Structure formats: C-alpha cells, structure tokens
Amino acid sequence: MKRKKIALVLSLIMTLTSINIPLSQAQGDIENHWAKQTITKWQQEGFLKGDKNGNINPDNNITRAEFITLINKALGYNKTGNKIKTYKDIKQTDWYYSQIMTAIEQGYINGTSKDTISPGSNITRQEVMTIINKISKHKKTKVQIDKNTNKRHRKNIKLGKNNQYKT
C-alpha cells in the first residue's frame, strides 16, 4: 500500500510540475480547474494549505520549497537535522526551513551550489526526476516509466544516473 501511495503521489507531482502547476489559491480559484478533485483531496489530507490568503494558484509554477513540502507531507517525512546551516539563502524564520531540513536529512535534496539551496526558484522536471529516483532507491521502490517520460530521462532512470542533475 505504501508503495502504491508513493507511486501515486510522485506521478501526480510529476504531472503537476510538468505543466507548471503551483502549490499556492482559495477554493474559488480551483472551482473549474481540471485538477480540482486532486487538489481538494490533497487539501483534505493536509498536503496543501495554500498561500497566506488560502489560495492554491493551480496554474502557477511550483517552487523547490513547495515541492519539498509536498513530498515531506505526502510521504510522512518529519525527521530533521542540522545540515542546513551551510546554506546562506534560508533562515530559521522562513516557512519552509524545517521542510528543507527534513528533505536534507532524508537525503533526497542537495543545494544548487555549495552554499545555496534556492527554495524560491521554480523546480525543474529534471530536479523532480532526480528526487523521485532518490526517494525510490531509498524506499526500495521503482520509478514508473511511461510513454510520457522523456527518452533521455528514461535512459538515466534505467541506468540509475541521477547525479547529472543538481537538486
């Protein structure tokens, strides 16, 4: 069951990020949205809260911090460490601070340079695939490859070559 949940969550995240969907609008902004059912379910399960006004903004891009938060909540990750203090672009007062600490502790995210993690930058498909691959190896599950997976990414996933992308 856990394996099925991981595959479902990661598949939905890949779909959302590949078409530039964010995690930040109120129920009214999703009323006629094609992903309303999934967004509503994720809100009910506590994966999404929206921005300070309660908006989900389903047609915006998703940031690295938002994606990390969704992964942590969906997979129940909450163990934190202190490795984060080396990144100069985050502070303990940032809303995503503990989420990034958790992601680093879980081993599925790295900085975008030696001293930055770029939490406000939009996450790329390559970064998403790298994260999925890392989580899959950690959870001893397989990443599902389908007809929509880019050929280059397919090859890298099959060969386990995810180090070419920085996360």
Foldseek 3Di string as FASTA:
>chain_A
DLLVLLQVLLVVVLVQQVQAFEQAAALVVCVPPPCSVVNVVCVVLVLGQHPPHSYGRGNHFYFQLSVLSNVCSSNVFQDFDDPLPQAPPDDPPDPSVSSVRRCVVLPQADAPDRHHNRRGHGDDSLSSLSSSLSVCVVVVHAHDDDPPDDPVSVVCSVVVPSVVDHD
